Amino acid sequence: MVREYFTCREMVELVTDYLEGAMPPPARAEFERHLSVCPGCISYFEQIRETIRALGKITDDAIPPAAREELLELFRRLRDG
């Protein structure tokens, strides 16, 4: 059974799965339905997509070791709540 809609909060949590092609077709269709009617999620989606494009251009060598460690620590804190 396909759900009727994702909430905006769920959209934020699932945007990476969508962009990486990791969603099953029914969920992908639901995601796209939500995007077709929610200006806030459209904006968030575009920001994340552009961020991924921009970050894809950064090489590992371009990030100073101290900055890399600081970013990793921030990501760990976000992940762990």
C-alpha atoms as a PDB file:
ATOM      1  CA  MET A   1       0.000   0.000   0.000  1.00  0.00           C
ATOM      2  CA  VAL A   2       1.420   3.399  -0.988  1.00  0.00           C
ATOM      3  CA  ARG A   3       1.037   6.147   1.569  1.00  0.00           C
ATOM      4  CA  GLU A   4      -0.775   9.273   0.570  1.00  0.00           C
ATOM      5  CA  TYR A   5       2.084  11.672   1.360  1.00  0.00           C
ATOM      6  CA  PHE A   6       5.377  12.292   3.158  1.00  0.00           C
ATOM      7  CA  THR A   7       5.523  15.021   5.763  1.00  0.00           C
ATOM      8  CA  CYS A   8       8.009  17.838   5.278  1.00  0.00           C
ATOM      9  CA  ARG A   9      10.088  16.440   8.144  1.00  0.00           C
ATOM     10  CA  GLU A  10      10.266  13.057   6.406  1.00  0.00           C
ATOM     11  CA  MET A  11      11.245  14.779   3.168  1.00  0.00           C
ATOM     12  CA  VAL A  12      14.235  16.368   4.905  1.00  0.00           C
ATOM     13  CA  GLU A  13      15.284  12.990   6.282  1.00  0.00           C
ATOM     14  CA  LEU A  14      14.906  11.227   2.918  1.00  0.00           C
ATOM     15  CA  VAL A  15      16.334  13.758   0.468  1.00  0.00           C
ATOM     16  CA  THR A  16      19.738  12.061   0.331  1.00  0.00           C
ATOM     17  CA  ASP A  17      18.171   8.650  -0.342  1.00  0.00           C
ATOM     18  CA  TYR A  18      16.183  10.203  -3.174  1.00  0.00           C
ATOM     19  CA  LEU A  19      19.199  11.923  -4.718  1.00  0.00           C
ATOM     20  CA  GLU A  20      21.308   8.759  -4.469  1.00  0.00           C
ATOM     21  CA  GLY A  21      18.595   6.663  -6.137  1.00  0.00           C
ATOM     22  CA  ALA A  22      18.230   4.516  -3.011  1.00  0.00           C
ATOM     23  CA  MET A  23      14.432   4.779  -2.734  1.00  0.00           C
ATOM     24  CA  PRO A  24      12.094   2.075  -3.996  1.00  0.00           C
ATOM     25  CA  PRO A  25       9.823   3.252  -6.824  1.00  0.00           C
ATOM     26  CA  PRO A  26       6.654   3.720  -4.697  1.00  0.00           C
ATOM     27  CA  ALA A  27       8.491   5.903  -2.160  1.00  0.00           C
ATOM     28  CA  ARG A  28      10.203   7.809  -4.970  1.00  0.00           C
ATOM     29  CA  ALA A  29       6.809   8.561  -6.529  1.00  0.00           C
ATOM     30  CA  GLU A  30       5.491   9.721  -3.164  1.00  0.00           C
ATOM     31  CA  PHE A  31       8.543  11.947  -2.700  1.00  0.00           C
ATOM     32  CA  GLU A  32       7.999  13.491  -6.134  1.00  0.00           C
ATOM     33  CA  ARG A  33       4.288  14.048  -5.429  1.00  0.00           C
ATOM     34  CA  HIS A  34       5.190  15.993  -2.298  1.00  0.00           C
ATOM     35  CA  LEU A  35       7.784  18.025  -4.205  1.00  0.00           C
ATOM     36  CA  SER A  36       5.182  18.917  -6.804  1.00  0.00           C
ATOM     37  CA  VAL A  37       3.039  20.750  -4.232  1.00  0.00           C
ATOM     38  CA  CYS A  38       5.361  21.996  -1.466  1.00  0.00           C
ATOM     39  CA  PRO A  39       7.399  25.145  -2.207  1.00  0.00           C
ATOM     40  CA  GLY A  40       9.395  24.818   1.032  1.00  0.00           C
ATOM     41  CA  CYS A  41      10.513  21.294   0.235  1.00  0.00           C
ATOM     42  CA  ILE A  42      11.288  22.250  -3.360  1.00  0.00           C
ATOM     43  CA  SER A  43      13.588  24.987  -2.053  1.00  0.00           C
ATOM     44  CA  TYR A  44      15.263  22.649   0.455  1.00  0.00           C
ATOM     45  CA  PHE A  45      15.683  19.962  -2.205  1.00  0.00           C
ATOM     46  CA  GLU A  46      17.336  22.400  -4.614  1.00  0.00           C
ATOM     47  CA  GLN A  47      19.675  23.670  -1.880  1.00  0.00           C
ATOM     48  CA  ILE A  48      20.780  20.151  -0.982  1.00  0.00           C
ATOM     49  CA  ARG A  49      21.241  19.172  -4.624  1.00  0.00           C
ATOM     50  CA  GLU A  50      23.374  22.272  -5.260  1.00  0.00           C
ATOM     51  CA  THR A  51      25.402  21.649  -2.091  1.00  0.00           C
ATOM     52  CA  ILE A  52      26.145  18.101  -3.222  1.00  0.00           C
ATOM     53  CA  ARG A  53      27.217  19.375  -6.653  1.00  0.00           C
ATOM     54  CA  ALA A  54      29.498  22.001  -5.106  1.00  0.00           C
ATOM     55  CA  LEU A  55      31.028  19.611  -2.592  1.00  0.00           C
ATOM     56  CA  GLY A  56      31.650  17.050  -5.291  1.00  0.00           C
ATOM     57  CA  LYS A  57      34.205  19.439  -6.744  1.00  0.00           C
ATOM     58  CA  ILE A  58      36.276  19.537  -3.537  1.00  0.00           C
ATOM     59  CA  THR A  59      39.164  17.085  -3.381  1.00  0.00           C
ATOM     60  CA  ASP A  60      40.400  15.494  -0.151  1.00  0.00           C
ATOM     61  CA  ASP A  61      43.698  17.353  -0.558  1.00  0.00           C
ATOM     62  CA  ALA A  62      41.892  20.703  -0.553  1.00  0.00           C
ATOM     63  CA  ILE A  63      40.630  20.240   3.018  1.00  0.00           C
ATOM     64  CA  PRO A  64      43.193  21.007   5.735  1.00  0.00           C
ATOM     65  CA  PRO A  65      43.496  18.149   8.264  1.00  0.00           C
ATOM     66  CA  ALA A  66      42.271  20.310  11.168  1.00  0.00           C
ATOM     67  CA  ALA A  67      39.187  21.407   9.221  1.00  0.00           C
ATOM     68  CA  ARG A  68      38.465  17.823   8.179  1.00  0.00           C
ATOM     69  CA  GLU A  69      38.617  16.638  11.794  1.00  0.00           C
ATOM     70  CA  GLU A  70      36.378  19.494  12.931  1.00  0.00           C
ATOM     71  CA  LEU A  71      33.793  18.664  10.237  1.00  0.00           C
ATOM     72  CA  LEU A  72      33.853  14.971  11.110  1.00  0.00           C
ATOM     73  CA  GLU A  73      33.328  15.795  14.770  1.00  0.00           C
ATOM     74  CA  LEU A  74      30.357  18.043  13.918  1.00  0.00           C
ATOM     75  CA  PHE A  75      28.823  15.289  11.781  1.00  0.00           C
ATOM     76  CA  ARG A  76      29.304  12.788  14.622  1.00  0.00           C
ATOM     77  CA  ARG A  77      27.534  15.119  17.058  1.00  0.00           C
ATOM     78  CA  LEU A  78      24.658  15.633  14.613  1.00  0.00           C
ATOM     79  CA  ARG A  79      24.326  11.906  14.063  1.00  0.00           C
ATOM     80  CA  ASP A  80      24.409  11.112  17.770  1.00  0.00           C
ATOM     81  CA  GLY A  81      21.901  13.802  18.628  1.00  0.00           C
END
